[in-house]
Structure formats: C-alpha cells, structure tokens
Amino acid sequence: MAAPLTEAAIARMREMIVSGQLAPGSRLPPEGELATLLGASRNTVREAVRALVTARVLDVRRGDGTFVTSLRPELLLEGIGAAVELMQEGFSLELIAVRRILEPAATSMAAERIDDATLDKLAGCLDRMREARSEAERIEHDADFHRLVAAASGNETLASMLNAVSSRTIRARAWRGVAEEGAGARTVAQHQDILDALEAHDPSRAESAALVHVATTEAWFRETLGERRQRVAAHPEPAATAGRAAPPRAVPARAPASGAAARPHR
C-alpha cells in the first residue's frame, strides 16, 4: 500500500486527468512544477508517477518527459488480466460463470456488426482448430476465435474484460479437452454453430450458441470438481502430510497432445 502522502498525490493527479486538466496524450509539467501543483515533495511525486505508470495511466518517455496514456479500455483494464492470473484454483468456477455472462452478450453484439473480413478470419481459426495436432494447438486457435468475436462486438470495454477473464479459463478448457473423450469434436461443432449464427447476422441465435458453448464447459468443470472433492473427502490425507505444501494445480497451463477433431460437413 502506498504511503498516505503518495496516495494523496495519486488522487490529485487522477482528479487532474478526470477534470480534463491533463488530457490523454498530454505531457505532464516538469517535476518541480508538478510538485508545487500537488503540494508535495519531489520524492512523493516520483512515487505517485511510478504508481500511475504501473496502472498504465502515465507513460515515461526517456528524454521526452512523462505523458498521460491514451486511457483506452484495453490499456487500463490490463490489470484485470494480471489479477485473474493470481487467483487460486478454487475461483475457477467463478471465472467461468463470469465468462458465461459476458460472452453471449458480446457474441450477440458481434452478430449485428461483424464484417466479411472478420468472418473469414473466424472460418480460418475454425479450420485450424480442426487440423490441430495437439490440444494445446487447438486451444490456441480457440482463444483466437473468441478474441475476434469479442473485438467484433464493437464494445472495447466488454472485449477487454472478456479477454482478461478468458485468459485464465483456457486452462479449464484445456483440461477438459484432455480428460473428456470427444470434447474436442464437440467444441469444434459448437464453434461452427457460433460462426453460422454470426454469418446469418442473427443476434439471438449467436447469443444462444455462445451460451451453450460456455455452459457446457462450466457444467463439466463443476461436475469434475465435485467428483474430486468427493474423492478427497472419502480419502483424506494422512495427518503426517497435513503440514506439507499444497500440490501443484491440477489444471495444466499447456495440455498434452491429442488427436485433432474431424471436420464436420458445412
């Protein structure tokens, strides 16, 4: 936590930005002048600037000065992704539930706005998912597919939040792809349903297809976690191991190779 004087300086600089006194892209006054404006010491100003640089509010350009960034959603919301990555495994279901709320809405919006060029890119992602030789490769193209759909929603704030949440749920999707027989083929088929709805520019159909897709993963993950908890309850660890460090997370960051899903007839 920042010291009170630094927090006060940060709050004052934020007020200057919100009021328009410091607009996006504008250069901050020299350090001495800024310290006078803030009623703070130079050391306090430096600490405040460092904190706002970390938050992507300010950008220090060596030899040129310190500037307010563009303040665009994808820049300011990067912190959500970083926070999500630090969340423990027990919150994975909550993240998938958040994705279930955001993704159908983004897909519905995309159906109204998507252009032919993006539809072609989505079709390419889907082809690469079918041709993937490993689960890790398929998941990579799966993630690209969803990033394109989110961007096509036209809402950069929604897309940024969705991408931040989805980055962590990739692990759960990879786990399912390895553990559940036929999951890869079903996933490809669900992506095809989403693409068909987007090509038809049908928001309701697109929303439903996206909801089915995310809810399927959520249901599988909820059931799997429930079974694992039952096994742990039935076979508790011996008292001698109770004080040991927790084992690594069960969900791998990269999944082992598996066969590629067959391409369905369109």
C-alpha atoms as a PDB file:
ATOM      1  CA  MET A   1       0.000   0.000   0.000  1.00  0.00           C
ATOM      2  CA  ALA A   2       1.277   3.461  -0.900  1.00  0.00           C
ATOM      3  CA  ALA A   3       2.127   5.917   1.860  1.00  0.00           C
ATOM      4  CA  PRO A   4      -0.606   8.491   2.679  1.00  0.00           C
ATOM      5  CA  LEU A   5       1.287  11.368   1.040  1.00  0.00           C
ATOM      6  CA  THR A   6       1.805   9.333  -2.122  1.00  0.00           C
ATOM      7  CA  GLU A   7      -1.853   8.279  -2.144  1.00  0.00           C
ATOM      8  CA  ALA A   8      -2.877  11.929  -1.865  1.00  0.00           C
ATOM      9  CA  ALA A   9      -0.617  12.846  -4.799  1.00  0.00           C
ATOM     10  CA  ILE A  10      -2.034   9.983  -6.880  1.00  0.00           C
ATOM     11  CA  ALA A  11      -5.587  11.089  -6.076  1.00  0.00           C
ATOM     12  CA  ARG A  12      -4.814  14.686  -7.067  1.00  0.00           C
ATOM     13  CA  MET A  13      -3.261  13.620 -10.375  1.00  0.00           C
ATOM     14  CA  ARG A  14      -6.261  11.423 -11.094  1.00  0.00           C
ATOM     15  CA  GLU A  15      -8.511  14.421 -10.440  1.00  0.00           C
ATOM     16  CA  MET A  16      -6.479  16.469 -12.919  1.00  0.00           C
ATOM     17  CA  ILE A  17      -6.978  13.779 -15.551  1.00  0.00           C
ATOM     18  CA  VAL A  18     -10.715  13.320 -14.873  1.00  0.00           C
ATOM     19  CA  SER A  19     -11.306  17.077 -14.986  1.00  0.00           C
ATOM     20  CA  GLY A  20      -9.506  17.372 -18.308  1.00  0.00           C
ATOM     21  CA  GLN A  21      -6.680  19.445 -16.924  1.00  0.00           C
ATOM     22  CA  LEU A  22      -4.435  16.615 -18.095  1.00  0.00           C
ATOM     23  CA  ALA A  23      -5.930  15.155 -21.276  1.00  0.00           C
ATOM     24  CA  PRO A  24      -4.993  11.808 -22.878  1.00  0.00           C
ATOM     25  CA  GLY A  25      -1.656  12.189 -24.653  1.00  0.00           C
ATOM     26  CA  SER A  26      -0.742  15.411 -22.839  1.00  0.00           C
ATOM     27  CA  ARG A  27       2.640  15.969 -21.273  1.00  0.00           C
ATOM     28  CA  LEU A  28       2.942  16.442 -17.520  1.00  0.00           C
ATOM     29  CA  PRO A  29       4.598  19.614 -16.197  1.00  0.00           C
ATOM     30  CA  PRO A  30       8.255  19.316 -15.147  1.00  0.00           C
ATOM     31  CA  GLU A  31       8.744  17.529 -11.848  1.00  0.00           C
ATOM     32  CA  GLY A  32       9.363  20.673  -9.797  1.00  0.00           C
ATOM     33  CA  GLU A  33       6.302  22.436 -11.192  1.00  0.00           C
ATOM     34  CA  LEU A  34       4.161  19.318 -10.708  1.00  0.00           C
ATOM     35  CA  ALA A  35       5.342  19.047  -7.097  1.00  0.00           C
ATOM     36  CA  THR A  36       4.210  22.645  -6.491  1.00  0.00           C
ATOM     37  CA  LEU A  37       0.820  21.972  -8.125  1.00  0.00           C
ATOM     38  CA  LEU A  38       0.319  18.892  -5.964  1.00  0.00           C
ATOM     39  CA  GLY A  39       1.686  20.450  -2.811  1.00  0.00           C
ATOM     40  CA  ALA A  40       4.054  17.511  -2.432  1.00  0.00           C
ATOM     41  CA  SER A  41       7.770  16.824  -2.380  1.00  0.00           C
ATOM     42  CA  ARG A  42       9.608  15.657  -5.472  1.00  0.00           C
ATOM     43  CA  ASN A  43      10.138  12.217  -3.937  1.00  0.00           C
ATOM     44  CA  THR A  44       6.387  11.894  -3.358  1.00  0.00           C
ATOM     45  CA  VAL A  45       5.699  12.971  -6.948  1.00  0.00           C
ATOM     46  CA  ARG A  46       8.134  10.346  -8.246  1.00  0.00           C
ATOM     47  CA  GLU A  47       6.387   7.631  -6.228  1.00  0.00           C
ATOM     48  CA  ALA A  48       2.985   8.766  -7.487  1.00  0.00           C
ATOM     49  CA  VAL A  49       4.189   8.801 -11.089  1.00  0.00           C
ATOM     50  CA  ARG A  50       5.645   5.303 -10.725  1.00  0.00           C
ATOM     51  CA  ALA A  51       2.328   4.010  -9.396  1.00  0.00           C
ATOM     52  CA  LEU A  52       0.371   5.567 -12.264  1.00  0.00           C
ATOM     53  CA  VAL A  53       2.846   4.207 -14.803  1.00  0.00           C
ATOM     54  CA  THR A  54       2.245   0.722 -13.413  1.00  0.00           C
ATOM     55  CA  ALA A  55      -1.506   1.317 -13.762  1.00  0.00           C
ATOM     56  CA  ARG A  56      -0.933   2.355 -17.412  1.00  0.00           C
ATOM     57  CA  VAL A  57      -2.266   5.832 -16.728  1.00  0.00           C
ATOM     58  CA  LEU A  58       1.087   7.508 -17.377  1.00  0.00           C
ATOM     59  CA  ASP A  59       3.922   6.725 -19.741  1.00  0.00           C
ATOM     60  CA  VAL A  60       7.513   7.831 -19.155  1.00  0.00           C
ATOM     61  CA  ARG A  61       9.405   8.523 -22.373  1.00  0.00           C
ATOM     62  CA  ARG A  62      13.100   8.836 -21.721  1.00  0.00           C
ATOM     63  CA  GLY A  63      14.467  12.162 -22.857  1.00  0.00           C
ATOM     64  CA  ASP A  64      10.993  13.452 -23.680  1.00  0.00           C
ATOM     65  CA  GLY A  65       9.016  13.555 -20.439  1.00  0.00           C
ATOM     66  CA  THR A  66       6.022  11.896 -18.810  1.00  0.00           C
ATOM     67  CA  PHE A  67       2.734  11.704 -20.688  1.00  0.00           C
ATOM     68  CA  VAL A  68      -0.844  10.672 -19.997  1.00  0.00           C
ATOM     69  CA  THR A  69      -1.544   7.495 -21.962  1.00  0.00           C
ATOM     70  CA  SER A  70      -4.451   7.095 -24.375  1.00  0.00           C
ATOM     71  CA  LEU A  71      -6.528   5.820 -21.399  1.00  0.00           C
ATOM     72  CA  ARG A  72      -8.164   3.293 -23.699  1.00  0.00           C
ATOM     73  CA  PRO A  73     -10.045   0.373 -22.087  1.00  0.00           C
ATOM     74  CA  GLU A  74      -7.682  -2.322 -23.332  1.00  0.00           C
ATOM     75  CA  LEU A  75      -4.808  -0.426 -21.707  1.00  0.00           C
ATOM     76  CA  LEU A  76      -6.391   0.411 -18.367  1.00  0.00           C
ATOM     77  CA  LEU A  77      -8.050  -2.978 -17.945  1.00  0.00           C
ATOM     78  CA  GLU A  78      -4.823  -4.938 -18.363  1.00  0.00           C
ATOM     79  CA  GLY A  79      -4.725  -5.080 -14.595  1.00  0.00           C
ATOM     80  CA  ILE A  80      -7.777  -7.336 -14.570  1.00  0.00           C
ATOM     81  CA  GLY A  81      -5.888  -9.980 -16.513  1.00  0.00           C
ATOM     82  CA  ALA A  82      -2.947  -9.767 -14.131  1.00  0.00           C
ATOM     83  CA  ALA A  83      -5.252 -10.103 -11.127  1.00  0.00           C
ATOM     84  CA  VAL A  84      -7.084 -13.046 -12.670  1.00  0.00           C
ATOM     85  CA  GLU A  85      -3.807 -14.890 -13.195  1.00  0.00           C
ATOM     86  CA  LEU A  86      -3.101 -14.621  -9.451  1.00  0.00           C
ATOM     87  CA  MET A  87      -6.467 -16.037  -8.393  1.00  0.00           C
ATOM     88  CA  GLN A  88      -6.359 -19.506  -6.843  1.00  0.00           C
ATOM     89  CA  GLU A  89      -7.833 -22.617  -8.418  1.00  0.00           C
ATOM     90  CA  GLY A  90     -10.877 -22.537  -6.152  1.00  0.00           C
ATOM     91  CA  PHE A  91     -12.174 -19.489  -8.033  1.00  0.00           C
ATOM     92  CA  SER A  92     -12.030 -21.102 -11.498  1.00  0.00           C
ATOM     93  CA  LEU A  93     -15.763 -21.795 -11.495  1.00  0.00           C
ATOM     94  CA  GLU A  94     -16.477 -18.167 -10.649  1.00  0.00           C
ATOM     95  CA  LEU A  95     -14.380 -17.033 -13.604  1.00  0.00           C
ATOM     96  CA  ILE A  96     -16.188 -19.425 -15.942  1.00  0.00           C
ATOM     97  CA  ALA A  97     -19.509 -18.089 -14.615  1.00  0.00           C
ATOM     98  CA  VAL A  98     -18.375 -14.534 -15.372  1.00  0.00           C
ATOM     99  CA  ARG A  99     -17.442 -15.651 -18.871  1.00  0.00           C
ATOM    100  CA  ARG A 100     -20.916 -17.218 -19.222  1.00  0.00           C
ATOM    101  CA  ILE A 101     -22.418 -13.795 -18.513  1.00  0.00           C
ATOM    102  CA  LEU A 102     -20.128 -11.740 -20.762  1.00  0.00           C
ATOM    103  CA  GLU A 103     -19.513 -13.938 -23.796  1.00  0.00           C
ATOM    104  CA  PRO A 104     -23.114 -14.476 -25.008  1.00  0.00           C
ATOM    105  CA  ALA A 105     -23.684 -10.703 -24.806  1.00  0.00           C
ATOM    106  CA  ALA A 106     -20.521  -9.963 -26.786  1.00  0.00           C
ATOM    107  CA  THR A 107     -21.400 -12.613 -29.389  1.00  0.00           C
ATOM    108  CA  SER A 108     -24.911 -11.207 -29.800  1.00  0.00           C
ATOM    109  CA  MET A 109     -23.496  -7.723 -30.355  1.00  0.00           C
ATOM    110  CA  ALA A 110     -20.947  -9.088 -32.816  1.00  0.00           C
ATOM    111  CA  ALA A 111     -23.709 -10.671 -34.922  1.00  0.00           C
ATOM    112  CA  GLU A 112     -25.054  -7.190 -35.670  1.00  0.00           C
ATOM    113  CA  ARG A 113     -21.709  -5.606 -36.521  1.00  0.00           C
ATOM    114  CA  ILE A 114     -19.373  -8.286 -37.851  1.00  0.00           C
ATOM    115  CA  ASP A 115     -17.925  -7.806 -41.345  1.00  0.00           C
ATOM    116  CA  ASP A 116     -16.941 -10.309 -44.024  1.00  0.00           C
ATOM    117  CA  ALA A 117     -13.222  -9.945 -43.332  1.00  0.00           C
ATOM    118  CA  THR A 118     -13.688 -10.969 -39.696  1.00  0.00           C
ATOM    119  CA  LEU A 119     -15.979 -13.827 -40.687  1.00  0.00           C
ATOM    120  CA  ASP A 120     -13.221 -15.100 -42.977  1.00  0.00           C
ATOM    121  CA  LYS A 121     -10.720 -14.919 -40.107  1.00  0.00           C
ATOM    122  CA  LEU A 122     -13.094 -16.849 -37.850  1.00  0.00           C
ATOM    123  CA  ALA A 123     -13.524 -19.518 -40.502  1.00  0.00           C
ATOM    124  CA  GLY A 124      -9.733 -19.773 -40.696  1.00  0.00           C
ATOM    125  CA  CYS A 125      -9.491 -20.218 -36.910  1.00  0.00           C
ATOM    126  CA  LEU A 126     -12.105 -22.958 -37.090  1.00  0.00           C
ATOM    127  CA  ASP A 127     -10.231 -24.753 -39.872  1.00  0.00           C
ATOM    128  CA  ARG A 128      -7.040 -24.630 -37.834  1.00  0.00           C
ATOM    129  CA  MET A 129      -8.890 -25.991 -34.793  1.00  0.00           C
ATOM    130  CA  ARG A 130      -9.996 -28.983 -36.866  1.00  0.00           C
ATOM    131  CA  GLU A 131      -6.493 -29.531 -38.228  1.00  0.00           C
ATOM    132  CA  ALA A 132      -4.698 -29.097 -34.878  1.00  0.00           C
ATOM    133  CA  ARG A 133      -2.394 -31.965 -33.926  1.00  0.00           C
ATOM    134  CA  SER A 134      -2.437 -31.298 -30.206  1.00  0.00           C
ATOM    135  CA  GLU A 135      -4.839 -29.993 -27.611  1.00  0.00           C
ATOM    136  CA  ALA A 136      -2.524 -27.058 -26.911  1.00  0.00           C
ATOM    137  CA  GLU A 137      -2.590 -26.065 -30.590  1.00  0.00           C
ATOM    138  CA  ARG A 138      -6.381 -26.379 -30.760  1.00  0.00           C
ATOM    139  CA  ILE A 139      -6.816 -24.241 -27.638  1.00  0.00           C
ATOM    140  CA  GLU A 140      -4.588 -21.544 -29.149  1.00  0.00           C
ATOM    141  CA  HIS A 141      -6.852 -21.232 -32.200  1.00  0.00           C
ATOM    142  CA  ASP A 142      -9.920 -21.490 -29.939  1.00  0.00           C
ATOM    143  CA  ALA A 143      -8.680 -18.446 -28.000  1.00  0.00           C
ATOM    144  CA  ASP A 144      -8.025 -16.532 -31.242  1.00  0.00           C
ATOM    145  CA  PHE A 145     -11.594 -17.282 -32.361  1.00  0.00           C
ATOM    146  CA  HIS A 146     -13.072 -15.819 -29.182  1.00  0.00           C
ATOM    147  CA  ARG A 147     -10.807 -12.757 -29.238  1.00  0.00           C
ATOM    148  CA  LEU A 148     -12.023 -11.959 -32.763  1.00  0.00           C
ATOM    149  CA  VAL A 149     -15.658 -12.330 -31.731  1.00  0.00           C
ATOM    150  CA  ALA A 150     -15.147 -10.102 -28.690  1.00  0.00           C
ATOM    151  CA  ALA A 151     -13.480  -7.418 -30.801  1.00  0.00           C
ATOM    152  CA  ALA A 152     -16.311  -7.622 -33.337  1.00  0.00           C
ATOM    153  CA  SER A 153     -18.794  -6.699 -30.581  1.00  0.00           C
ATOM    154  CA  GLY A 154     -17.723  -3.087 -31.043  1.00  0.00           C
ATOM    155  CA  ASN A 155     -17.512  -2.603 -27.275  1.00  0.00           C
ATOM    156  CA  GLU A 156     -13.849  -2.307 -26.340  1.00  0.00           C
ATOM    157  CA  THR A 157     -14.508  -2.310 -22.603  1.00  0.00           C
ATOM    158  CA  LEU A 158     -16.535  -5.521 -22.813  1.00  0.00           C
ATOM    159  CA  ALA A 159     -13.932  -7.115 -25.084  1.00  0.00           C
ATOM    160  CA  SER A 160     -11.108  -6.200 -22.704  1.00  0.00           C
ATOM    161  CA  MET A 161     -12.911  -7.611 -19.679  1.00  0.00           C
ATOM    162  CA  LEU A 162     -13.860 -10.781 -21.520  1.00  0.00           C
ATOM    163  CA  ASN A 163     -10.335 -11.374 -22.800  1.00  0.00           C
ATOM    164  CA  ALA A 164      -8.939 -10.899 -19.283  1.00  0.00           C
ATOM    165  CA  VAL A 165     -11.321 -13.462 -17.796  1.00  0.00           C
ATOM    166  CA  SER A 166     -10.964 -15.914 -20.693  1.00  0.00           C
ATOM    167  CA  SER A 167      -7.180 -15.997 -20.435  1.00  0.00           C
ATOM    168  CA  ARG A 168      -7.473 -17.960 -17.187  1.00  0.00           C
ATOM    169  CA  THR A 169     -10.389 -20.203 -18.229  1.00  0.00           C
ATOM    170  CA  ILE A 170      -8.228 -21.517 -21.082  1.00  0.00           C
ATOM    171  CA  ARG A 171      -6.653 -23.854 -18.511  1.00  0.00           C
ATOM    172  CA  ALA A 172     -10.021 -25.379 -17.646  1.00  0.00           C
ATOM    173  CA  ARG A 173     -10.866 -25.784 -21.335  1.00  0.00           C
ATOM    174  CA  ALA A 174      -7.523 -27.471 -21.978  1.00  0.00           C
ATOM    175  CA  TRP A 175      -8.073 -29.822 -19.053  1.00  0.00           C
ATOM    176  CA  ARG A 176     -11.494 -30.787 -20.383  1.00  0.00           C
ATOM    177  CA  GLY A 177     -10.108 -31.371 -23.871  1.00  0.00           C
ATOM    178  CA  VAL A 178      -7.665 -33.932 -22.476  1.00  0.00           C
ATOM    179  CA  ALA A 179      -9.865 -35.583 -19.857  1.00  0.00           C
ATOM    180  CA  GLU A 180     -13.216 -35.871 -21.662  1.00  0.00           C
ATOM    181  CA  GLU A 181     -13.471 -38.171 -24.655  1.00  0.00           C
ATOM    182  CA  GLY A 182     -14.846 -36.398 -27.726  1.00  0.00           C
ATOM    183  CA  ALA A 183     -14.651 -32.957 -26.134  1.00  0.00           C
ATOM    184  CA  GLY A 184     -12.521 -31.603 -28.995  1.00  0.00           C
ATOM    185  CA  ALA A 185     -15.045 -32.588 -31.663  1.00  0.00           C
ATOM    186  CA  ARG A 186     -17.947 -31.165 -29.654  1.00  0.00           C
ATOM    187  CA  THR A 187     -16.073 -27.931 -29.099  1.00  0.00           C
ATOM    188  CA  VAL A 188     -15.396 -27.544 -32.815  1.00  0.00           C
ATOM    189  CA  ALA A 189     -19.067 -28.215 -33.565  1.00  0.00           C
ATOM    190  CA  GLN A 190     -20.123 -25.551 -31.064  1.00  0.00           C
ATOM    191  CA  HIS A 191     -17.760 -23.038 -32.648  1.00  0.00           C
ATOM    192  CA  GLN A 192     -19.303 -23.889 -36.011  1.00  0.00           C
ATOM    193  CA  ASP A 193     -22.741 -23.107 -34.551  1.00  0.00           C
ATOM    194  CA  ILE A 194     -21.446 -19.734 -33.355  1.00  0.00           C
ATOM    195  CA  LEU A 195     -19.927 -18.969 -36.752  1.00  0.00           C
ATOM    196  CA  ASP A 196     -23.124 -19.967 -38.578  1.00  0.00           C
ATOM    197  CA  ALA A 197     -25.132 -17.590 -36.376  1.00  0.00           C
ATOM    198  CA  LEU A 198     -22.648 -14.769 -36.960  1.00  0.00           C
ATOM    199  CA  GLU A 199     -22.734 -15.353 -40.718  1.00  0.00           C
ATOM    200  CA  ALA A 200     -26.529 -15.133 -40.544  1.00  0.00           C
ATOM    201  CA  HIS A 201     -26.228 -11.887 -38.524  1.00  0.00           C
ATOM    202  CA  ASP A 202     -28.728 -13.351 -36.054  1.00  0.00           C
ATOM    203  CA  PRO A 203     -28.072 -11.887 -32.557  1.00  0.00           C
ATOM    204  CA  SER A 204     -30.453 -14.198 -30.663  1.00  0.00           C
ATOM    205  CA  ARG A 205     -29.069 -17.321 -32.322  1.00  0.00           C
ATOM    206  CA  ALA A 206     -25.491 -16.148 -31.765  1.00  0.00           C
ATOM    207  CA  GLU A 207     -26.183 -15.456 -28.090  1.00  0.00           C
ATOM    208  CA  SER A 208     -27.733 -18.898 -27.624  1.00  0.00           C
ATOM    209  CA  ALA A 209     -24.867 -20.672 -29.383  1.00  0.00           C
ATOM    210  CA  ALA A 210     -22.294 -18.880 -27.221  1.00  0.00           C
ATOM    211  CA  LEU A 211     -24.258 -19.641 -24.051  1.00  0.00           C
ATOM    212  CA  VAL A 212     -24.440 -23.354 -24.877  1.00  0.00           C
ATOM    213  CA  HIS A 213     -20.702 -23.382 -25.571  1.00  0.00           C
ATOM    214  CA  VAL A 214     -19.644 -21.772 -22.280  1.00  0.00           C
ATOM    215  CA  ALA A 215     -22.288 -23.534 -20.189  1.00  0.00           C
ATOM    216  CA  THR A 216     -21.068 -26.919 -21.452  1.00  0.00           C
ATOM    217  CA  THR A 217     -17.571 -26.237 -20.144  1.00  0.00           C
ATOM    218  CA  GLU A 218     -18.952 -24.857 -16.895  1.00  0.00           C
ATOM    219  CA  ALA A 219     -21.149 -27.932 -16.309  1.00  0.00           C
ATOM    220  CA  TRP A 220     -18.264 -30.321 -16.992  1.00  0.00           C
ATOM    221  CA  PHE A 221     -15.893 -28.430 -14.747  1.00  0.00           C
ATOM    222  CA  ARG A 222     -18.445 -28.190 -11.926  1.00  0.00           C
ATOM    223  CA  GLU A 223     -19.078 -31.948 -12.107  1.00  0.00           C
ATOM    224  CA  THR A 224     -15.368 -32.767 -12.237  1.00  0.00           C
ATOM    225  CA  LEU A 225     -14.551 -30.584  -9.240  1.00  0.00           C
ATOM    226  CA  GLY A 226     -17.442 -32.153  -7.338  1.00  0.00           C
ATOM    227  CA  GLU A 227     -16.135 -35.647  -8.024  1.00  0.00           C
ATOM    228  CA  ARG A 228     -12.635 -34.654  -6.956  1.00  0.00           C
ATOM    229  CA  ARG A 229     -13.916 -33.166  -3.701  1.00  0.00           C
ATOM    230  CA  GLN A 230     -15.832 -36.371  -3.007  1.00  0.00           C
ATOM    231  CA  ARG A 231     -12.667 -38.428  -3.515  1.00  0.00           C
ATOM    232  CA  VAL A 232     -10.725 -36.151  -1.178  1.00  0.00           C
ATOM    233  CA  ALA A 233     -13.462 -36.399   1.445  1.00  0.00           C
ATOM    234  CA  ALA A 234     -13.533 -40.186   1.144  1.00  0.00           C
ATOM    235  CA  HIS A 235      -9.738 -40.484   1.354  1.00  0.00           C
ATOM    236  CA  PRO A 236      -8.397 -37.611   3.480  1.00  0.00           C
ATOM    237  CA  GLU A 237      -4.654 -37.148   3.541  1.00  0.00           C
ATOM    238  CA  PRO A 238      -2.785 -38.716   6.479  1.00  0.00           C
ATOM    239  CA  ALA A 239      -2.063 -36.494   9.459  1.00  0.00           C
ATOM    240  CA  ALA A 240       1.668 -36.834   8.777  1.00  0.00           C
ATOM    241  CA  THR A 241       1.276 -34.913   5.491  1.00  0.00           C
ATOM    242  CA  ALA A 242      -1.122 -32.266   6.755  1.00  0.00           C
ATOM    243  CA  GLY A 243       1.569 -29.632   7.169  1.00  0.00           C
ATOM    244  CA  ARG A 244       3.200 -30.123   3.799  1.00  0.00           C
ATOM    245  CA  ALA A 245       2.940 -27.638   0.974  1.00  0.00           C
ATOM    246  CA  ALA A 246      -0.077 -27.925  -1.329  1.00  0.00           C
ATOM    247  CA  PRO A 247       0.439 -29.922  -4.549  1.00  0.00           C
ATOM    248  CA  PRO A 248       0.693 -28.181  -7.910  1.00  0.00           C
ATOM    249  CA  ARG A 249      -2.512 -27.085  -9.584  1.00  0.00           C
ATOM    250  CA  ALA A 250      -4.421 -29.851 -11.313  1.00  0.00           C
ATOM    251  CA  VAL A 251      -5.140 -27.797 -14.406  1.00  0.00           C
ATOM    252  CA  PRO A 252      -2.103 -27.694 -16.728  1.00  0.00           C
ATOM    253  CA  ALA A 253      -1.053 -24.478 -18.424  1.00  0.00           C
ATOM    254  CA  ARG A 254      -0.389 -26.463 -21.607  1.00  0.00           C
ATOM    255  CA  ALA A 255      -2.236 -29.625 -22.486  1.00  0.00           C
ATOM    256  CA  PRO A 256      -0.564 -32.772 -23.871  1.00  0.00           C
ATOM    257  CA  ALA A 257      -1.089 -33.764 -27.453  1.00  0.00           C
ATOM    258  CA  SER A 258      -4.336 -35.360 -28.580  1.00  0.00           C
ATOM    259  CA  GLY A 259      -5.923 -36.164 -31.882  1.00  0.00           C
ATOM    260  CA  ALA A 260      -7.468 -33.359 -33.955  1.00  0.00           C
ATOM    261  CA  ALA A 261     -11.227 -33.259 -34.325  1.00  0.00           C
ATOM    262  CA  ALA A 262     -12.779 -34.347 -37.628  1.00  0.00           C
ATOM    263  CA  ARG A 263     -14.142 -31.582 -39.797  1.00  0.00           C
ATOM    264  CA  PRO A 264     -17.933 -31.663 -39.943  1.00  0.00           C
ATOM    265  CA  HIS A 265     -19.817 -31.083 -43.169  1.00  0.00           C
ATOM    266  CA  ARG A 266     -20.980 -27.491 -43.555  1.00  0.00           C
END
